[in-house]
Amino acid sequence: MSGKSSSGSGSGSSSYTPYTVTGSGTNSQGNSYDTRSQPSGDAFHYSNTDGSYYYSNGNGSTYHNSGSGSSTYTAPNGNSYKK
C-alpha cells in the first residue's frame, strides 16, 4: 500500500503496464495509432488495417504482431523472441 496510487477507475481490465493516451489519429494508409505516456517514458501503438499491430514501450521494448499468428517481442536489452 504505497501512498501513490492511480485513481481507481478500473473496469476489470488487467493491463500490466499503466499508461495515459496522449494523442491518437489515423495515418494516410488508414492505420490507427496512439501515443502514450508510461512511467518508463513515451510510447506508441499502431493498429494496422491488415490486422497487425505494433507497440513501442517507454522502456525500449517493442512488440509486433503480424496479424496472422506470428509475433516478435524485443526486450529492452535487444534480445528478440519470436512466437
Protein backbone atom coordinates (compact mmCIF):
# COMPACT_ATOMS: atom_id res chain seq x y z
CA MET A 1 0.00 0.00 0.00
CA SER A 2 2.07 2.85 -1.24
CA GLY A 3 0.80 6.38 -0.92
CA LYS A 4 0.93 6.77 -4.70
CA SER A 5 -1.91 5.06 -6.48
CA SER A 6 -3.84 5.97 -9.57
CA SER A 7 -7.48 6.84 -9.37
CA GLY A 8 -9.48 3.64 -9.26
CA SER A 9 -11.41 3.85 -12.49
CA GLY A 10 -10.56 0.26 -13.39
CA SER A 11 -13.28 -1.53 -15.29
CA GLY A 12 -11.90 -5.01 -14.90
CA SER A 13 -9.11 -4.71 -17.46
CA SER A 14 -5.82 -6.11 -16.29
CA SER A 15 -3.23 -4.14 -18.24
CA TYR A 16 0.13 -4.71 -16.58
CA THR A 17 1.70 -1.50 -17.94
CA PRO A 18 -0.09 1.64 -16.80
CA TYR A 19 -0.20 4.38 -19.39
CA THR A 20 -2.05 7.51 -20.39
CA VAL A 21 -3.02 8.06 -24.03
CA THR A 22 -1.64 11.47 -25.01
CA GLY A 23 -2.73 11.56 -28.65
CA SER A 24 -4.30 9.44 -31.37
CA GLY A 25 -5.25 9.52 -35.02
CA THR A 26 -5.26 7.71 -38.36
CA ASN A 27 -2.45 7.94 -40.88
CA SER A 28 -2.80 8.22 -44.67
CA GLN A 29 -2.83 4.41 -45.05
CA GLY A 30 -5.86 4.15 -42.77
CA ASN A 31 -3.87 2.70 -39.86
CA SER A 32 -4.76 3.99 -36.40
CA TYR A 33 -2.17 4.94 -33.82
CA ASP A 34 -1.88 6.47 -30.42
CA THR A 35 0.91 7.98 -28.42
CA ARG A 36 1.18 7.11 -24.75
CA SER A 37 2.91 8.27 -21.63
CA GLN A 38 4.20 5.44 -19.41
CA PRO A 39 6.12 5.60 -16.13
CA SER A 40 9.17 4.39 -18.09
CA GLY A 41 8.84 7.02 -20.84
CA ASP A 42 6.94 7.84 -24.02
CA ALA A 43 5.42 5.00 -26.03
CA PHE A 44 3.21 4.43 -29.05
CA HIS A 45 0.90 1.84 -30.58
CA TYR A 46 -0.07 1.22 -34.21
CA SER A 47 -3.06 -0.87 -35.23
CA ASN A 48 -2.99 -1.61 -38.95
CA THR A 49 -5.83 -2.33 -41.37
CA ASP A 50 -4.31 -5.75 -42.18
CA GLY A 51 -4.82 -6.87 -38.56
CA SER A 52 -1.20 -6.40 -37.50
CA TYR A 53 -0.19 -4.17 -34.63
CA TYR A 54 2.94 -2.75 -33.08
CA TYR A 55 3.86 -1.42 -29.65
CA SER A 56 6.94 0.59 -28.74
CA ASN A 57 7.24 0.94 -24.98
CA GLY A 58 8.91 3.59 -22.86
CA ASN A 59 11.48 1.10 -21.58
CA GLY A 60 12.78 0.44 -25.11
CA SER A 61 10.98 -2.86 -25.67
CA THR A 62 8.83 -3.46 -28.75
CA TYR A 63 6.15 -5.94 -29.72
CA HIS A 64 4.95 -6.67 -33.24
CA ASN A 65 2.08 -8.99 -34.14
CA SER A 66 1.81 -9.83 -37.83
CA GLY A 67 -1.95 -10.30 -37.69
CA SER A 68 -1.56 -13.85 -38.99
CA GLY A 69 -0.35 -15.63 -35.87
CA SER A 70 3.32 -14.72 -35.60
CA SER A 71 4.73 -12.14 -33.24
CA THR A 72 8.08 -10.76 -32.15
CA TYR A 73 8.95 -9.24 -28.79
CA THR A 74 12.20 -7.33 -28.46
CA ALA A 75 13.36 -6.78 -24.89
CA PRO A 76 14.98 -3.54 -23.71
CA ASN A 77 18.40 -5.27 -23.91
CA GLY A 78 17.88 -6.01 -27.63
CA ASN A 79 17.12 -9.73 -27.36
CA SER A 80 14.27 -10.78 -29.67
CA TYR A 81 11.78 -13.56 -29.06
CA LYS A 82 9.59 -14.89 -31.86
CA LYS A 83 6.36 -16.80 -31.45
